N, C-alpha and C. Protein backbone atom coordinates (compact mmCIF):
# COMPACT_ATOMS: atom_id res chain seq x y z
N LEU A 1 0.61 -1.17 0.08
CA LEU A 1 -0.08 -0.15 -0.09
C LEU A 1 0.77 1.48 0.05
N LYS A 2 1.54 1.39 1.10
CA LYS A 2 2.42 2.75 1.26
C LYS A 2 3.22 2.50 0.14
N ASP A 3 4.38 2.11 -0.57
CA ASP A 3 5.60 1.59 -1.13
C ASP A 3 5.42 0.82 -2.48
N LYS A 4 4.68 1.31 -3.51
CA LYS A 4 4.67 0.80 -4.76
C LYS A 4 5.55 0.13 -5.25
N GLY A 5 6.73 0.56 -4.67
CA GLY A 5 7.96 -0.05 -5.62
C GLY A 5 8.51 -1.36 -5.02
N LEU A 6 7.99 -1.78 -3.79
CA LEU A 6 8.26 -2.94 -2.74
C LEU A 6 7.95 -3.78 -3.68
N PRO A 7 9.32 -4.65 -3.57
CA PRO A 7 8.82 -6.13 -4.24
C PRO A 7 7.91 -7.13 -3.51
N LEU A 8 7.12 -7.42 -4.27
CA LEU A 8 5.67 -8.51 -4.10
C LEU A 8 6.24 -9.63 -2.88
N TRP A 9 7.23 -10.42 -2.95
CA TRP A 9 7.78 -10.86 -1.51
C TRP A 9 7.85 -10.29 -0.73
N LYS A 10 8.33 -8.86 -0.74
CA LYS A 10 8.46 -8.19 0.57
C LYS A 10 7.15 -8.23 1.13
N ALA A 11 6.45 -7.27 0.46
CA ALA A 11 4.78 -7.15 0.85
C ALA A 11 4.26 -8.56 1.18
N ILE A 12 4.63 -9.60 0.71
CA ILE A 12 4.38 -10.69 1.37
C ILE A 12 4.45 -11.21 2.70
N LEU A 13 5.77 -11.34 2.68
CA LEU A 13 6.26 -11.06 4.21
C LEU A 13 6.08 -10.45 5.36
N ILE A 14 5.89 -8.91 4.93
CA ILE A 14 4.99 -8.16 5.72
C ILE A 14 4.09 -8.57 6.15
N SER A 15 2.74 -8.86 5.47
CA SER A 15 1.56 -9.30 5.93
C SER A 15 1.43 -10.86 6.39
N TRP A 16 2.35 -11.45 6.12
CA TRP A 16 2.58 -12.82 6.68
C TRP A 16 3.12 -12.71 8.11
N GLY A 17 3.68 -11.39 8.53
CA GLY A 17 4.12 -11.27 9.96
C GLY A 17 3.24 -10.50 10.53
N ILE A 18 2.23 -9.62 9.97
CA ILE A 18 1.47 -9.20 11.13
C ILE A 18 0.44 -10.26 11.25
N ALA A 19 0.17 -10.99 10.25
CA ALA A 19 -1.26 -12.17 10.32
C ALA A 19 -0.38 -13.04 11.64
N PHE A 20 0.92 -13.54 11.62
CA PHE A 20 1.57 -13.94 12.52
C PHE A 20 1.44 -13.77 14.04
N PHE A 21 1.74 -12.65 14.07
CA PHE A 21 1.70 -11.63 15.31
C PHE A 21 0.17 -12.00 15.97
N GLU A 22 -0.91 -11.61 14.88
CA GLU A 22 -2.09 -11.71 15.16
C GLU A 22 -2.25 -12.89 16.06
N TYR A 23 -1.99 -13.77 14.86
CA TYR A 23 -2.59 -15.43 15.27
C TYR A 23 -2.01 -15.63 16.79
N CYS A 24 -0.69 -15.23 17.09
CA CYS A 24 0.21 -15.77 18.41
C CYS A 24 -0.69 -15.44 19.04
N VAL A 25 -1.54 -14.15 18.91
CA VAL A 25 -2.70 -13.63 20.33
C VAL A 25 -4.03 -14.33 20.09
N MET A 26 -4.52 -14.50 18.96
CA MET A 26 -5.69 -15.26 18.28
C MET A 26 -6.31 -16.42 19.34
N VAL A 27 -4.97 -17.63 18.74
CA VAL A 27 -5.48 -18.86 19.27
C VAL A 27 -5.35 -18.76 20.76
N PRO A 28 -4.27 -18.55 21.36
CA PRO A 28 -4.64 -18.75 23.11
C PRO A 28 -5.80 -18.01 23.58
N ALA A 29 -5.76 -17.17 22.90
CA ALA A 29 -6.97 -16.00 23.37
C ALA A 29 -8.52 -16.44 23.07
N ASN A 30 -8.54 -17.24 22.38
CA ASN A 30 -9.40 -18.40 21.83
C ASN A 30 -9.96 -19.50 22.46
N ARG A 31 -8.93 -20.07 23.10
CA ARG A 31 -8.30 -21.34 23.82
C ARG A 31 -9.10 -20.71 25.23
N ILE A 32 -8.19 -20.01 25.52
CA ILE A 32 -8.36 -19.78 26.66
C ILE A 32 -10.01 -19.01 27.21
N GLY A 33 -10.72 -18.25 26.53
CA GLY A 33 -11.87 -17.96 26.30
C GLY A 33 -12.70 -18.90 26.13
N TYR A 34 -12.45 -20.14 25.23
CA TYR A 34 -13.40 -20.74 25.31
C TYR A 34 -13.63 -21.90 26.34
N GLN A 35 -12.57 -22.28 27.17
CA GLN A 35 -12.50 -22.92 28.37
C GLN A 35 -13.26 -21.89 29.65
N GLY A 36 -12.76 -20.69 29.13
CA GLY A 36 -13.62 -19.37 30.52
C GLY A 36 -15.20 -19.50 30.41
N GLY A 37 -15.79 -20.12 29.28
CA GLY A 37 -17.10 -20.26 28.94
C GLY A 37 -17.95 -19.12 27.96
N TRP A 38 -16.50 -18.65 27.18
CA TRP A 38 -17.15 -17.68 26.36
C TRP A 38 -17.83 -18.91 24.90
N GLY A 39 -18.45 -17.84 24.55
CA GLY A 39 -19.32 -18.93 23.17
C GLY A 39 -18.71 -18.53 22.00
N ALA A 40 -19.12 -18.59 21.01
CA ALA A 40 -18.60 -18.70 19.54
C ALA A 40 -18.77 -16.62 19.34
N PHE A 41 -20.15 -16.14 19.56
CA PHE A 41 -20.18 -15.33 19.25
C PHE A 41 -19.59 -14.43 20.19
N GLN A 42 -19.19 -14.58 20.91
CA GLN A 42 -18.30 -13.43 22.34
C GLN A 42 -16.98 -13.56 21.73
N LEU A 43 -16.61 -14.71 21.43
CA LEU A 43 -15.14 -15.19 20.91
C LEU A 43 -15.00 -14.23 19.36
N LYS A 44 -15.76 -13.97 18.83
CA LYS A 44 -15.79 -13.67 17.52
C LYS A 44 -15.49 -12.13 17.54
N MET A 45 -16.32 -11.45 18.55
CA MET A 45 -16.49 -10.14 18.76
C MET A 45 -15.31 -9.69 19.16
N ALA A 46 -14.46 -10.04 20.18
CA ALA A 46 -13.07 -10.20 20.92
C ALA A 46 -12.01 -10.41 19.67
N GLN A 47 -12.29 -11.25 19.11
CA GLN A 47 -11.05 -11.60 17.71
C GLN A 47 -11.44 -10.12 16.85
N GLU A 48 -12.64 -9.72 16.32
CA GLU A 48 -12.66 -8.43 15.60
C GLU A 48 -12.11 -7.34 16.14
N VAL A 49 -12.39 -7.20 17.70
CA VAL A 49 -11.44 -5.87 18.33
C VAL A 49 -10.38 -5.98 18.24
N ILE A 50 -9.80 -7.05 18.34
CA ILE A 50 -8.40 -7.27 18.54
C ILE A 50 -7.83 -6.91 17.18
N THR A 51 -7.99 -7.45 16.01
CA THR A 51 -7.56 -7.29 14.59
C THR A 51 -7.62 -5.86 14.49
N LEU A 52 -8.82 -5.50 14.38
CA LEU A 52 -8.77 -3.72 14.56
C LEU A 52 -7.56 -3.10 15.18
N LEU A 53 -7.81 -3.64 16.12
CA LEU A 53 -6.46 -2.72 17.06
C LEU A 53 -4.88 -2.69 16.67
N VAL A 54 -4.79 -4.49 16.03
CA VAL A 54 -3.33 -4.54 15.40
C VAL A 54 -3.38 -3.89 14.01
N PHE A 55 -4.23 -3.82 13.32
CA PHE A 55 -4.65 -2.83 12.16
C PHE A 55 -4.24 -1.57 12.55
N THR A 56 -5.03 -1.20 13.68
CA THR A 56 -4.55 0.58 13.70
C THR A 56 -3.46 0.70 13.95
N VAL A 57 -2.80 -0.38 14.65
CA VAL A 57 -0.83 0.33 15.10
C VAL A 57 -0.63 0.22 13.65
N PHE A 58 -0.44 -0.64 12.83
CA PHE A 58 -0.18 -0.85 11.40
C PHE A 58 -0.22 0.42 10.82
N ALA A 59 -1.71 0.83 10.67
CA ALA A 59 -1.98 1.95 9.90
C ALA A 59 -1.29 2.98 10.11
N VAL A 60 -1.28 3.36 11.40
CA VAL A 60 -1.02 4.82 12.03
C VAL A 60 0.52 4.76 12.19
N TYR A 61 1.32 3.86 12.59
CA TYR A 61 3.01 3.84 12.60
C TYR A 61 3.64 3.32 11.36
N TYR A 62 3.36 2.37 10.73
CA TYR A 62 3.52 1.93 9.44
C TYR A 62 3.50 2.57 8.39
N LEU A 63 1.93 2.89 7.92
CA LEU A 63 1.66 3.30 6.55
C LEU A 63 1.29 5.25 6.94
N LYS A 64 1.44 5.48 8.31
CA LYS A 64 1.29 7.18 8.80
C LYS A 64 -0.23 7.59 8.39
N GLU A 65 -1.12 6.69 8.60
CA GLU A 65 -2.24 7.59 8.22
C GLU A 65 -2.90 8.05 9.28
N PRO A 66 -3.46 9.12 9.07
CA PRO A 66 -3.84 9.99 10.10
C PRO A 66 -5.04 9.08 11.04
N PHE A 67 -5.05 8.89 12.44
CA PHE A 67 -6.14 8.81 13.22
C PHE A 67 -7.03 9.49 13.31
N GLN A 68 -8.25 9.69 12.67
CA GLN A 68 -9.52 11.03 12.78
C GLN A 68 -10.59 10.27 13.69
N THR A 69 -10.97 11.86 14.04
CA THR A 69 -12.29 11.19 15.50
C THR A 69 -13.14 10.42 14.73
N LYS A 70 -13.54 9.99 13.36
CA LYS A 70 -14.60 9.11 12.72
C LYS A 70 -14.13 7.97 13.46
N TYR A 71 -13.00 7.67 13.34
CA TYR A 71 -12.40 6.23 13.77
C TYR A 71 -12.45 5.74 15.12
N LEU A 72 -12.25 6.91 16.06
CA LEU A 72 -12.22 6.51 17.30
C LEU A 72 -14.17 6.53 17.52
N ILE A 73 -14.78 7.22 17.34
CA ILE A 73 -16.25 6.97 17.40
C ILE A 73 -16.80 5.43 16.53
N SER A 74 -16.39 5.09 15.86
CA SER A 74 -16.37 3.42 15.27
C SER A 74 -15.73 2.78 15.98
N PHE A 75 -14.52 2.94 17.06
CA PHE A 75 -14.52 2.01 17.68
C PHE A 75 -15.12 1.98 18.84
N LEU A 76 -15.76 3.27 19.60
CA LEU A 76 -16.57 3.47 20.39
C LEU A 76 -17.29 2.23 20.67
N PHE A 77 -18.31 2.48 19.12
CA PHE A 77 -19.02 1.66 18.75
C PHE A 77 -18.76 0.12 18.82
N LEU A 78 -17.82 -0.28 18.50
CA LEU A 78 -17.40 -1.74 18.43
C LEU A 78 -17.15 -2.00 20.07
N ILE A 79 -16.64 -1.02 21.15
CA ILE A 79 -16.50 -1.58 22.57
C ILE A 79 -17.94 -1.65 22.76
N GLY A 80 -19.15 -1.15 22.25
CA GLY A 80 -20.50 -1.26 22.79
C GLY A 80 -20.98 -2.21 22.31
N ALA A 81 -20.66 -3.07 21.16
CA ALA A 81 -20.85 -4.10 20.70
C ALA A 81 -20.31 -5.36 21.60
N VAL A 82 -19.16 -5.32 21.72
CA VAL A 82 -18.76 -6.30 22.79
C VAL A 82 -19.35 -6.19 23.85
N TYR A 83 -19.47 -5.21 24.61
CA TYR A 83 -20.37 -5.09 25.85
C TYR A 83 -21.81 -5.75 25.69
N PHE A 84 -22.44 -5.47 24.66
CA PHE A 84 -23.55 -6.27 24.86
C PHE A 84 -23.22 -7.46 24.61
N ALA A 85 -22.51 -7.98 23.76
CA ALA A 85 -22.07 -9.83 23.44
C ALA A 85 -21.82 -10.38 24.76
N PHE A 86 -21.70 -9.36 25.66
CA PHE A 86 -21.04 -10.08 27.09
C PHE A 86 -21.84 -10.05 27.83
N LYS A 87 -22.60 -9.14 27.51
CA LYS A 87 -23.91 -8.90 28.88
C LYS A 87 -24.30 -10.17 29.17
N LYS A 88 -24.47 -10.45 30.22
CA LYS A 88 -25.74 -11.54 30.88
C LYS A 88 -26.78 -11.24 30.76
């Protein structure tokens, strides 16, 4: 995205590196969550929030994308969605 002159193999390695880090967090989290009594919907909601947090860090620090107020508002709605997914 950022560097159009970047060789494809480097872009693939960077993408895999990001995905690897994400899955290193996700797989144990899903196991722990499921053993702790979380259902599939709750796990998926948590997964999406983690994915967006990782992507946000990547977009802001690597791609140098500005973090706008509308993104903060969107994240707040996602936090609300997680709240309702976990509400008893």
